[in-house]
Amino acid sequence: MVVDTLMKAFLTACGGGLLTLIIVAIKWFVKKIGADNLTMKAVIHDSYFRQARYLLAKDEITEEEYENHDYLYKAYHVQGLNGTGDRLHDEIERKPVIVNGDINANKLP
């Protein structure tokens, strides 16, 4: 009887400790995901604005630059970042695009 009670007490203590460990691990994981998300937003924001400033300073852009810009814009936009990026995207969309070295090409389809 005493052994049975001690065994139940031991198992209860172990279960409580395991549950506490699981809760602490989940909280750490959620905090880590939040930090990773914030880091990703910062990197996308920096990359997007750095490239946008570079492209806006040019008279025309290459097809590769346009495609890279569009790719960065989609990543930027899906993160729900501010509308300044949308305005910059619209300005870059109006730039002439050099397609396969053809300076007379106006836009990508």
PDB file of N, CA and C in Angstrom:
ATOM      1  N   MET A   1       0.821  -1.193   0.000  1.00  0.00           N
ATOM      2  CA  MET A   1       0.000   0.000   0.000  1.00  0.00           C
ATOM      3  C   MET A   1       0.869   1.264   0.000  1.00  0.00           C
ATOM      4  N   VAL A   2       1.880   1.313   0.834  1.00  0.00           N
ATOM      5  CA  VAL A   2       2.767   2.456   0.908  1.00  0.00           C
ATOM      6  C   VAL A   2       3.560   2.581  -0.389  1.00  0.00           C
ATOM      7  N   VAL A   3       4.022   1.433  -0.920  1.00  0.00           N
ATOM      8  CA  VAL A   3       4.781   1.442  -2.165  1.00  0.00           C
ATOM      9  C   VAL A   3       3.886   1.946  -3.298  1.00  0.00           C
ATOM     10  N   ASP A   4       2.648   1.514  -3.304  1.00  0.00           N
ATOM     11  CA  ASP A   4       1.699   1.955  -4.339  1.00  0.00           C
ATOM     12  C   ASP A   4       1.483   3.462  -4.263  1.00  0.00           C
ATOM     13  N   THR A   5       1.338   4.010  -3.071  1.00  0.00           N
ATOM     14  CA  THR A   5       1.145   5.441  -2.893  1.00  0.00           C
ATOM     15  C   THR A   5       2.400   6.212  -3.310  1.00  0.00           C
ATOM     16  N   LEU A   6       3.570   5.692  -2.923  1.00  0.00           N
ATOM     17  CA  LEU A   6       4.814   6.344  -3.316  1.00  0.00           C
ATOM     18  C   LEU A   6       5.002   6.324  -4.834  1.00  0.00           C
ATOM     19  N   MET A   7       4.651   5.202  -5.466  1.00  0.00           N
ATOM     20  CA  MET A   7       4.780   5.083  -6.911  1.00  0.00           C
ATOM     21  C   MET A   7       3.855   6.085  -7.612  1.00  0.00           C
ATOM     22  N   LYS A   8       2.641   6.204  -7.127  1.00  0.00           N
ATOM     23  CA  LYS A   8       1.698   7.166  -7.713  1.00  0.00           C
ATOM     24  C   LYS A   8       2.211   8.596  -7.534  1.00  0.00           C
ATOM     25  N   ALA A   9       2.763   8.915  -6.378  1.00  0.00           N
ATOM     26  CA  ALA A   9       3.291  10.253  -6.115  1.00  0.00           C
ATOM     27  C   ALA A   9       4.476  10.537  -7.038  1.00  0.00           C
ATOM     28  N   PHE A  10       5.355   9.527  -7.204  1.00  0.00           N
ATOM     29  CA  PHE A  10       6.509   9.684  -8.084  1.00  0.00           C
ATOM     30  C   PHE A  10       6.078   9.913  -9.528  1.00  0.00           C
ATOM     31  N   LEU A  11       5.151   9.122 -10.015  1.00  0.00           N
ATOM     32  CA  LEU A  11       4.671   9.260 -11.393  1.00  0.00           C
ATOM     33  C   LEU A  11       3.955  10.597 -11.603  1.00  0.00           C
ATOM     34  N   THR A  12       3.221  11.042 -10.613  1.00  0.00           N
ATOM     35  CA  THR A  12       2.549  12.333 -10.710  1.00  0.00           C
ATOM     36  C   THR A  12       3.568  13.464 -10.795  1.00  0.00           C
ATOM     37  N   ALA A  13       4.616  13.386  -9.969  1.00  0.00           N
ATOM     38  CA  ALA A  13       5.664  14.408  -9.987  1.00  0.00           C
ATOM     39  C   ALA A  13       6.399  14.400 -11.336  1.00  0.00           C
ATOM     40  N   CYS A  14       6.704  13.227 -11.846  1.00  0.00           N
ATOM     41  CA  CYS A  14       7.382  13.129 -13.144  1.00  0.00           C
ATOM     42  C   CYS A  14       6.496  13.673 -14.261  1.00  0.00           C
ATOM     43  N   GLY A  15       5.219  13.342 -14.218  1.00  0.00           N
ATOM     44  CA  GLY A  15       4.275  13.836 -15.232  1.00  0.00           C
ATOM     45  C   GLY A  15       4.167  15.347 -15.189  1.00  0.00           C
ATOM     46  N   GLY A  16       4.115  15.918 -13.995  1.00  0.00           N
ATOM     47  CA  GLY A  16       4.054  17.372 -13.848  1.00  0.00           C
ATOM     48  C   GLY A  16       5.317  18.038 -14.355  1.00  0.00           C
ATOM     49  N   GLY A  17       6.464  17.428 -14.050  1.00  0.00           N
ATOM     50  CA  GLY A  17       7.734  17.963 -14.528  1.00  0.00           C
ATOM     51  C   GLY A  17       7.835  17.888 -16.045  1.00  0.00           C
ATOM     52  N   LEU A  18       7.379  16.791 -16.620  1.00  0.00           N
ATOM     53  CA  LEU A  18       7.397  16.635 -18.066  1.00  0.00           C
ATOM     54  C   LEU A  18       6.463  17.645 -18.731  1.00  0.00           C
ATOM     55  N   LEU A  19       5.308  17.824 -18.139  1.00  0.00           N
ATOM     56  CA  LEU A  19       4.358  18.803 -18.674  1.00  0.00           C
ATOM     57  C   LEU A  19       4.944  20.214 -18.619  1.00  0.00           C
ATOM     58  N   THR A  20       5.604  20.555 -17.528  1.00  0.00           N
ATOM     59  CA  THR A  20       6.246  21.863 -17.405  1.00  0.00           C
ATOM     60  C   THR A  20       7.331  22.023 -18.461  1.00  0.00           C
ATOM     61  N   LEU A  21       8.117  20.987 -18.673  1.00  0.00           N
ATOM     62  CA  LEU A  21       9.167  21.020 -19.687  1.00  0.00           C
ATOM     63  C   LEU A  21       8.573  21.226 -21.084  1.00  0.00           C
ATOM     64  N   ILE A  22       7.497  20.565 -21.379  1.00  0.00           N
ATOM     65  CA  ILE A  22       6.833  20.716 -22.684  1.00  0.00           C
ATOM     66  C   ILE A  22       6.310  22.141 -22.855  1.00  0.00           C
ATOM     67  N   ILE A  23       5.710  22.700 -21.824  1.00  0.00           N
ATOM     68  CA  ILE A  23       5.175  24.064 -21.897  1.00  0.00           C
ATOM     69  C   ILE A  23       6.310  25.067 -22.109  1.00  0.00           C
ATOM     70  N   VAL A  24       7.418  24.909 -21.394  1.00  0.00           N
ATOM     71  CA  VAL A  24       8.565  25.804 -21.561  1.00  0.00           C
ATOM     72  C   VAL A  24       9.120  25.691 -22.979  1.00  0.00           C
ATOM     73  N   ALA A  25       9.217  24.475 -23.509  1.00  0.00           N
ATOM     74  CA  ALA A  25       9.724  24.269 -24.871  1.00  0.00           C
ATOM     75  C   ALA A  25       8.809  24.922 -25.904  1.00  0.00           C
ATOM     76  N   ILE A  26       7.509  24.797 -25.719  1.00  0.00           N
ATOM     77  CA  ILE A  26       6.556  25.416 -26.653  1.00  0.00           C
ATOM     78  C   ILE A  26       6.675  26.933 -26.606  1.00  0.00           C
ATOM     79  N   LYS A  27       6.775  27.509 -25.420  1.00  0.00           N
ATOM     80  CA  LYS A  27       6.918  28.964 -25.297  1.00  0.00           C
ATOM     81  C   LYS A  27       8.199  29.445 -25.973  1.00  0.00           C
ATOM     82  N   TRP A  28       9.299  28.710 -25.797  1.00  0.00           N
ATOM     83  CA  TRP A  28      10.569  29.079 -26.436  1.00  0.00           C
ATOM     84  C   TRP A  28      10.433  29.008 -27.952  1.00  0.00           C
ATOM     85  N   PHE A  29       9.786  27.960 -28.443  1.00  0.00           N
ATOM     86  CA  PHE A  29       9.622  27.766 -29.881  1.00  0.00           C
ATOM     87  C   PHE A  29       8.779  28.889 -30.494  1.00  0.00           C
ATOM     88  N   VAL A  30       7.702  29.276 -29.831  1.00  0.00           N
ATOM     89  CA  VAL A  30       6.848  30.365 -30.320  1.00  0.00           C
ATOM     90  C   VAL A  30       7.631  31.684 -30.334  1.00  0.00           C
ATOM     91  N   LYS A  31       8.404  31.941 -29.307  1.00  0.00           N
ATOM     92  CA  LYS A  31       9.222  33.158 -29.247  1.00  0.00           C
ATOM     93  C   LYS A  31      10.258  33.145 -30.369  1.00  0.00           C
ATOM     94  N   LYS A  32      10.867  32.002 -30.623  1.00  0.00           N
ATOM     95  CA  LYS A  32      11.876  31.860 -31.687  1.00  0.00           C
ATOM     96  C   LYS A  32      11.245  32.114 -33.056  1.00  0.00           C
ATOM     97  N   ILE A  33      10.065  31.582 -33.286  1.00  0.00           N
ATOM     98  CA  ILE A  33       9.379  31.809 -34.568  1.00  0.00           C
ATOM     99  C   ILE A  33       9.098  33.297 -34.746  1.00  0.00           C
ATOM    100  N   GLY A  34       8.667  33.970 -33.691  1.00  0.00           N
ATOM    101  CA  GLY A  34       8.411  35.412 -33.765  1.00  0.00           C
ATOM    102  C   GLY A  34       9.681  36.191 -34.093  1.00  0.00           C
ATOM    103  N   ALA A  35      10.789  35.811 -33.482  1.00  0.00           N
ATOM    104  CA  ALA A  35      12.064  36.482 -33.760  1.00  0.00           C
ATOM    105  C   ALA A  35      12.510  36.215 -35.193  1.00  0.00           C
ATOM    106  N   ASP A  36      12.346  34.988 -35.661  1.00  0.00           N
ATOM    107  CA  ASP A  36      12.708  34.656 -37.040  1.00  0.00           C
ATOM    108  C   ASP A  36      11.853  35.432 -38.030  1.00  0.00           C
ATOM    109  N   ASN A  37      10.582  35.576 -37.732  1.00  0.00           N
ATOM    110  CA  ASN A  37       9.675  36.322 -38.612  1.00  0.00           C
ATOM    111  C   ASN A  37      10.083  37.795 -38.672  1.00  0.00           C
ATOM    112  N   LEU A  38      10.416  38.369 -37.536  1.00  0.00           N
ATOM    113  CA  LEU A  38      10.856  39.762 -37.494  1.00  0.00           C
ATOM    114  C   LEU A  38      12.163  39.942 -38.272  1.00  0.00           C
ATOM    115  N   THR A  39      13.071  38.990 -38.119  1.00  0.00           N
ATOM    116  CA  THR A  39      14.338  39.039 -38.858  1.00  0.00           C
ATOM    117  C   THR A  39      14.089  38.961 -40.355  1.00  0.00           C
ATOM    118  N   MET A  40      13.218  38.071 -40.776  1.00  0.00           N
ATOM    119  CA  MET A  40      12.907  37.926 -42.199  1.00  0.00           C
ATOM    120  C   MET A  40      12.307  39.219 -42.753  1.00  0.00           C
ATOM    121  N   LYS A  41      11.420  39.838 -42.006  1.00  0.00           N
ATOM    122  CA  LYS A  41      10.838  41.104 -42.457  1.00  0.00           C
ATOM    123  C   LYS A  41      11.910  42.178 -42.607  1.00  0.00           C
ATOM    124  N   ALA A  42      12.845  42.224 -41.669  1.00  0.00           N
ATOM    125  CA  ALA A  42      13.910  43.228 -41.737  1.00  0.00           C
ATOM    126  C   ALA A  42      14.797  43.009 -42.959  1.00  0.00           C
ATOM    127  N   VAL A  43      15.131  41.758 -43.240  1.00  0.00           N
ATOM    128  CA  VAL A  43      15.983  41.447 -44.389  1.00  0.00           C
ATOM    129  C   VAL A  43      15.261  41.775 -45.693  1.00  0.00           C
ATOM    130  N   ILE A  44      13.998  41.396 -45.793  1.00  0.00           N
ATOM    131  CA  ILE A  44      13.226  41.683 -47.007  1.00  0.00           C
ATOM    132  C   ILE A  44      13.087  43.192 -47.193  1.00  0.00           C
ATOM    133  N   HIS A  45      12.780  43.903 -46.122  1.00  0.00           N
ATOM    134  CA  HIS A  45      12.623  45.354 -46.188  1.00  0.00           C
ATOM    135  C   HIS A  45      13.909  46.006 -46.678  1.00  0.00           C
ATOM    136  N   ASP A  46      15.027  45.627 -46.090  1.00  0.00           N
ATOM    137  CA  ASP A  46      16.309  46.206 -46.473  1.00  0.00           C
ATOM    138  C   ASP A  46      16.647  45.889 -47.930  1.00  0.00           C
ATOM    139  N   SER A  47      16.514  44.632 -48.320  1.00  0.00           N
ATOM    140  CA  SER A  47      16.839  44.231 -49.696  1.00  0.00           C
ATOM    141  C   SER A  47      15.953  44.953 -50.701  1.00  0.00           C
ATOM    142  N   TYR A  48      14.671  45.009 -50.393  1.00  0.00           N
ATOM    143  CA  TYR A  48      13.731  45.627 -51.329  1.00  0.00           C
ATOM    144  C   TYR A  48      14.039  47.122 -51.517  1.00  0.00           C
ATOM    145  N   PHE A  49      14.203  47.844 -50.420  1.00  0.00           N
ATOM    146  CA  PHE A  49      14.427  49.283 -50.531  1.00  0.00           C
ATOM    147  C   PHE A  49      15.798  49.601 -51.120  1.00  0.00           C
ATOM    148  N   ARG A  50      16.789  48.780 -50.817  1.00  0.00           N
ATOM    149  CA  ARG A  50      18.123  48.987 -51.386  1.00  0.00           C
ATOM    150  C   ARG A  50      18.058  48.840 -52.917  1.00  0.00           C
ATOM    151  N   GLN A  51      17.382  47.790 -53.389  1.00  0.00           N
ATOM    152  CA  GLN A  51      17.288  47.578 -54.831  1.00  0.00           C
ATOM    153  C   GLN A  51      16.392  48.630 -55.483  1.00  0.00           C
ATOM    154  N   ALA A  52      15.329  49.019 -54.821  1.00  0.00           N
ATOM    155  CA  ALA A  52      14.426  50.026 -55.389  1.00  0.00           C
ATOM    156  C   ALA A  52      15.165  51.352 -55.596  1.00  0.00           C
ATOM    157  N   ARG A  53      15.955  51.775 -54.608  1.00  0.00           N
ATOM    158  CA  ARG A  53      16.740  53.013 -54.766  1.00  0.00           C
ATOM    159  C   ARG A  53      17.706  52.904 -55.940  1.00  0.00           C
ATOM    160  N   TYR A  54      18.341  51.748 -56.076  1.00  0.00           N
ATOM    161  CA  TYR A  54      19.279  51.522 -57.178  1.00  0.00           C
ATOM    162  C   TYR A  54      18.564  51.607 -58.529  1.00  0.00           C
ATOM    163  N   LEU A  55      17.423  50.950 -58.653  1.00  0.00           N
ATOM    164  CA  LEU A  55      16.706  50.930 -59.929  1.00  0.00           C
ATOM    165  C   LEU A  55      16.107  52.291 -60.266  1.00  0.00           C
ATOM    166  N   LEU A  56      15.626  53.014 -59.274  1.00  0.00           N
ATOM    167  CA  LEU A  56      15.028  54.323 -59.535  1.00  0.00           C
ATOM    168  C   LEU A  56      16.066  55.334 -60.015  1.00  0.00           C
ATOM    169  N   ALA A  57      17.323  55.112 -59.681  1.00  0.00           N
ATOM    170  CA  ALA A  57      18.382  56.030 -60.115  1.00  0.00           C
ATOM    171  C   ALA A  57      18.790  55.788 -61.574  1.00  0.00           C
ATOM    172  N   LYS A  58      18.338  54.680 -62.149  1.00  0.00           N
ATOM    173  CA  LYS A  58      18.719  54.337 -63.520  1.00  0.00           C
ATOM    174  C   LYS A  58      17.661  54.835 -64.513  1.00  0.00           C
ATOM    175  N   ASP A  59      18.102  55.092 -65.749  1.00  0.00           N
ATOM    176  CA  ASP A  59      17.162  55.505 -66.797  1.00  0.00           C
ATOM    177  C   ASP A  59      16.334  54.333 -67.304  1.00  0.00           C
ATOM    178  N   GLU A  60      16.975  53.166 -67.443  1.00  0.00           N
ATOM    179  CA  GLU A  60      16.263  51.957 -67.836  1.00  0.00           C
ATOM    180  C   GLU A  60      16.848  50.792 -67.048  1.00  0.00           C
ATOM    181  N   ILE A  61      16.093  49.710 -66.991  1.00  0.00           N
ATOM    182  CA  ILE A  61      16.548  48.554 -66.220  1.00  0.00           C
ATOM    183  C   ILE A  61      16.553  47.327 -67.124  1.00  0.00           C
ATOM    184  N   THR A  62      17.374  46.356 -66.758  1.00  0.00           N
ATOM    185  CA  THR A  62      17.444  45.134 -67.549  1.00  0.00           C
ATOM    186  C   THR A  62      16.295  44.204 -67.171  1.00  0.00           C
ATOM    187  N   GLU A  63      16.074  43.241 -68.018  1.00  0.00           N
ATOM    188  CA  GLU A  63      15.033  42.246 -67.762  1.00  0.00           C
ATOM    189  C   GLU A  63      15.315  41.501 -66.461  1.00  0.00           C
ATOM    190  N   GLU A  64      16.583  41.160 -66.223  1.00  0.00           N
ATOM    191  CA  GLU A  64      16.962  40.442 -65.000  1.00  0.00           C
ATOM    192  C   GLU A  64      16.713  41.302 -63.758  1.00  0.00           C
ATOM    193  N   GLU A  65      17.029  42.585 -63.856  1.00  0.00           N
ATOM    194  CA  GLU A  65      16.786  43.487 -62.721  1.00  0.00           C
ATOM    195  C   GLU A  65      15.292  43.600 -62.444  1.00  0.00           C
ATOM    196  N   TYR A  66      14.503  43.680 -63.506  1.00  0.00           N
ATOM    197  CA  TYR A  66      13.054  43.772 -63.351  1.00  0.00           C
ATOM    198  C   TYR A  66      12.506  42.514 -62.676  1.00  0.00           C
ATOM    199  N   GLU A  67      12.937  41.350 -63.163  1.00  0.00           N
ATOM    200  CA  GLU A  67      12.450  40.089 -62.590  1.00  0.00           C
ATOM    201  C   GLU A  67      12.861  39.951 -61.127  1.00  0.00           C
ATOM    202  N   ASN A  68      14.108  40.332 -60.816  1.00  0.00           N
ATOM    203  CA  ASN A  68      14.566  40.274 -59.429  1.00  0.00           C
ATOM    204  C   ASN A  68      13.762  41.227 -58.554  1.00  0.00           C
ATOM    205  N   HIS A  69      13.526  42.426 -59.079  1.00  0.00           N
ATOM    206  CA  HIS A  69      12.720  43.399 -58.337  1.00  0.00           C
ATOM    207  C   HIS A  69      11.318  42.853 -58.077  1.00  0.00           C
ATOM    208  N   ASP A  70      10.716  42.262 -59.078  1.00  0.00           N
ATOM    209  CA  ASP A  70       9.361  41.724 -58.934  1.00  0.00           C
ATOM    210  C   ASP A  70       9.332  40.608 -57.883  1.00  0.00           C
ATOM    211  N   TYR A  71      10.337  39.770 -57.888  1.00  0.00           N
ATOM    212  CA  TYR A  71      10.443  38.687 -56.912  1.00  0.00           C
ATOM    213  C   TYR A  71      10.557  39.253 -55.497  1.00  0.00           C
ATOM    214  N   LEU A  72      11.426  40.250 -55.321  1.00  0.00           N
ATOM    215  CA  LEU A  72      11.568  40.883 -54.008  1.00  0.00           C
ATOM    216  C   LEU A  72      10.283  41.590 -53.589  1.00  0.00           C
ATOM    217  N   TYR A  73       9.617  42.229 -54.548  1.00  0.00           N
ATOM    218  CA  TYR A  73       8.372  42.928 -54.230  1.00  0.00           C
ATOM    219  C   TYR A  73       7.314  41.955 -53.721  1.00  0.00           C
ATOM    220  N   LYS A  74       7.193  40.805 -54.376  1.00  0.00           N
ATOM    221  CA  LYS A  74       6.192  39.816 -53.935  1.00  0.00           C
ATOM    222  C   LYS A  74       6.479  39.356 -52.511  1.00  0.00           C
ATOM    223  N   ALA A  75       7.752  39.106 -52.195  1.00  0.00           N
ATOM    224  CA  ALA A  75       8.128  38.706 -50.828  1.00  0.00           C
ATOM    225  C   ALA A  75       7.829  39.840 -49.846  1.00  0.00           C
ATOM    226  N   TYR A  76       8.141  41.065 -50.249  1.00  0.00           N
ATOM    227  CA  TYR A  76       7.887  42.241 -49.422  1.00  0.00           C
ATOM    228  C   TYR A  76       6.380  42.408 -49.178  1.00  0.00           C
ATOM    229  N   HIS A  77       5.617  42.299 -50.246  1.00  0.00           N
ATOM    230  CA  HIS A  77       4.176  42.532 -50.175  1.00  0.00           C
ATOM    231  C   HIS A  77       3.470  41.479 -49.318  1.00  0.00           C
ATOM    232  N   VAL A  78       3.839  40.221 -49.468  1.00  0.00           N
ATOM    233  CA  VAL A  78       3.173  39.149 -48.725  1.00  0.00           C
ATOM    234  C   VAL A  78       3.447  39.246 -47.223  1.00  0.00           C
ATOM    235  N   GLN A  79       4.525  39.924 -46.839  1.00  0.00           N
ATOM    236  CA  GLN A  79       4.824  40.120 -45.419  1.00  0.00           C
ATOM    237  C   GLN A  79       3.942  41.200 -44.793  1.00  0.00           C
ATOM    238  N   GLY A  80       3.170  41.900 -45.624  1.00  0.00           N
ATOM    239  CA  GLY A  80       2.271  42.914 -45.098  1.00  0.00           C
ATOM    240  C   GLY A  80       2.985  44.179 -44.664  1.00  0.00           C
ATOM    241  N   LEU A  81       4.078  44.485 -45.327  1.00  0.00           N
ATOM    242  CA  LEU A  81       4.826  45.687 -44.962  1.00  0.00           C
ATOM    243  C   LEU A  81       4.157  46.922 -45.543  1.00  0.00           C
ATOM    244  N   ASN A  82       4.701  48.108 -45.250  1.00  0.00           N
ATOM    245  CA  ASN A  82       3.993  49.366 -45.510  1.00  0.00           C
ATOM    246  C   ASN A  82       3.786  49.681 -46.986  1.00  0.00           C
ATOM    247  N   GLY A  83       2.984  50.683 -47.265  1.00  0.00           N
ATOM    248  CA  GLY A  83       2.611  51.065 -48.617  1.00  0.00           C
ATOM    249  C   GLY A  83       3.688  51.794 -49.392  1.00  0.00           C
ATOM    250  N   THR A  84       4.772  52.195 -48.733  1.00  0.00           N
ATOM    251  CA  THR A  84       5.860  52.851 -49.446  1.00  0.00           C
ATOM    252  C   THR A  84       6.422  51.918 -50.502  1.00  0.00           C
ATOM    253  N   GLY A  85       6.524  50.645 -50.186  1.00  0.00           N
ATOM    254  CA  GLY A  85       7.012  49.661 -51.152  1.00  0.00           C
ATOM    255  C   GLY A  85       6.110  49.565 -52.363  1.00  0.00           C
ATOM    256  N   ASP A  86       4.806  49.688 -52.160  1.00  0.00           N
ATOM    257  CA  ASP A  86       3.865  49.655 -53.283  1.00  0.00           C
ATOM    258  C   ASP A  86       4.085  50.858 -54.198  1.00  0.00           C
ATOM    259  N   ARG A  87       4.314  52.018 -53.603  1.00  0.00           N
ATOM    260  CA  ARG A  87       4.553  53.224 -54.405  1.00  0.00           C
ATOM    261  C   ARG A  87       5.841  53.090 -55.209  1.00  0.00           C
ATOM    262  N   LEU A  88       6.894  52.585 -54.572  1.00  0.00           N
ATOM    263  CA  LEU A  88       8.160  52.382 -55.272  1.00  0.00           C
ATOM    264  C   LEU A  88       8.004  51.366 -56.399  1.00  0.00           C
ATOM    265  N   HIS A  89       7.251  50.311 -56.133  1.00  0.00           N
ATOM    266  CA  HIS A  89       7.004  49.292 -57.159  1.00  0.00           C
ATOM    267  C   HIS A  89       6.315  49.907 -58.374  1.00  0.00           C
ATOM    268  N   ASP A  90       5.337  50.753 -58.124  1.00  0.00           N
ATOM    269  CA  ASP A  90       4.636  51.414 -59.234  1.00  0.00           C
ATOM    270  C   ASP A  90       5.582  52.292 -60.046  1.00  0.00           C
ATOM    271  N   GLU A  91       6.484  53.001 -59.375  1.00  0.00           N
ATOM    272  CA  GLU A  91       7.457  53.846 -60.087  1.00  0.00           C
ATOM    273  C   GLU A  91       8.405  52.993 -60.936  1.00  0.00           C
ATOM    274  N   ILE A  92       8.852  51.876 -60.391  1.00  0.00           N
ATOM    275  CA  ILE A  92       9.766  51.003 -61.125  1.00  0.00           C
ATOM    276  C   ILE A  92       9.044  50.339 -62.290  1.00  0.00           C
ATOM    277  N   GLU A  93       7.771  50.045 -62.117  1.00  0.00           N
ATOM    278  CA  GLU A  93       6.969  49.457 -63.200  1.00  0.00           C
ATOM    279  C   GLU A  93       6.927  50.370 -64.428  1.00  0.00           C
ATOM    280  N   ARG A  94       7.061  51.660 -64.226  1.00  0.00           N
ATOM    281  CA  ARG A  94       6.998  52.614 -65.341  1.00  0.00           C
ATOM    282  C   ARG A  94       8.348  52.794 -66.047  1.00  0.00           C
ATOM    283  N   LYS A  95       9.408  52.202 -65.510  1.00  0.00           N
ATOM    284  CA  LYS A  95      10.731  52.315 -66.126  1.00  0.00           C
ATOM    285  C   LYS A  95      10.796  51.473 -67.409  1.00  0.00           C
ATOM    286  N   PRO A  96      11.534  51.959 -68.428  1.00  0.00           N
ATOM    287  CA  PRO A  96      11.754  51.125 -69.611  1.00  0.00           C
ATOM    288  C   PRO A  96      12.624  49.925 -69.244  1.00  0.00           C
ATOM    289  N   VAL A  97      12.285  48.768 -69.810  1.00  0.00           N
ATOM    290  CA  VAL A  97      13.008  47.534 -69.529  1.00  0.00           C
ATOM    291  C   VAL A  97      13.747  47.097 -70.784  1.00  0.00           C
ATOM    292  N   ILE A  98      15.037  46.825 -70.628  1.00  0.00           N
ATOM    293  CA  ILE A  98      15.841  46.331 -71.743  1.00  0.00           C
ATOM    294  C   ILE A  98      15.660  44.815 -71.791  1.00  0.00           C
ATOM    295  N   VAL A  99      15.017  44.330 -72.857  1.00  0.00           N
ATOM    296  CA  VAL A  99      14.763  42.905 -73.006  1.00  0.00           C
ATOM    297  C   VAL A  99      15.788  42.335 -73.974  1.00  0.00           C
ATOM    298  N   ASN A 100      16.610  41.406 -73.487  1.00  0.00           N
ATOM    299  CA  ASN A 100      17.640  40.758 -74.313  1.00  0.00           C
ATOM    300  C   ASN A 100      18.516  41.773 -75.039  1.00  0.00           C
ATOM    301  N   GLY A 101      18.893  42.826 -74.369  1.00  0.00           N
ATOM    302  CA  GLY A 101      19.782  43.819 -74.950  1.00  0.00           C
ATOM    303  C   GLY A 101      19.100  44.817 -75.864  1.00  0.00           C
ATOM    304  N   ASP A 102      17.792  44.744 -76.033  1.00  0.00           N
ATOM    305  CA  ASP A 102      17.079  45.655 -76.931  1.00  0.00           C
ATOM    306  C   ASP A 102      16.663  46.892 -76.149  1.00  0.00           C
ATOM    307  N   ILE A 103      17.364  48.000 -76.352  1.00  0.00           N
ATOM    308  CA  ILE A 103      17.099  49.245 -75.624  1.00  0.00           C
ATOM    309  C   ILE A 103      15.739  49.822 -75.993  1.00  0.00           C
ATOM    310  N   ASN A 104      15.229  49.497 -77.172  1.00  0.00           N
ATOM    311  CA  ASN A 104      13.949  50.044 -77.619  1.00  0.00           C
ATOM    312  C   ASN A 104      12.736  49.319 -77.009  1.00  0.00           C
ATOM    313  N   ALA A 105      12.983  48.188 -76.362  1.00  0.00           N
ATOM    314  CA  ALA A 105      11.865  47.466 -75.736  1.00  0.00           C
ATOM    315  C   ALA A 105      11.345  48.307 -74.572  1.00  0.00           C
ATOM    316  N   ASN A 106      10.047  48.346 -74.412  1.00  0.00           N
ATOM    317  CA  ASN A 106       9.463  49.247 -73.427  1.00  0.00           C
ATOM    318  C   ASN A 106       9.096  48.539 -72.125  1.00  0.00           C
ATOM    319  N   LYS A 107       8.389  47.444 -72.195  1.00  0.00           N
ATOM    320  CA  LYS A 107       7.916  46.774 -70.978  1.00  0.00           C
ATOM    321  C   LYS A 107       7.969  45.264 -71.172  1.00  0.00           C
ATOM    322  N   LEU A 108       8.039  44.584 -70.076  1.00  0.00           N
ATOM    323  CA  LEU A 108       7.858  43.141 -70.111  1.00  0.00           C
ATOM    324  C   LEU A 108       6.364  42.847 -70.151  1.00  0.00           C
ATOM    325  N   PRO A 109       5.983  41.726 -70.714  1.00  0.00           N
ATOM    326  CA  PRO A 109       4.543  41.404 -70.729  1.00  0.00           C
ATOM    327  C   PRO A 109       4.002  41.183 -69.349  1.00  0.00           C
TER     328      PRO A 109
END
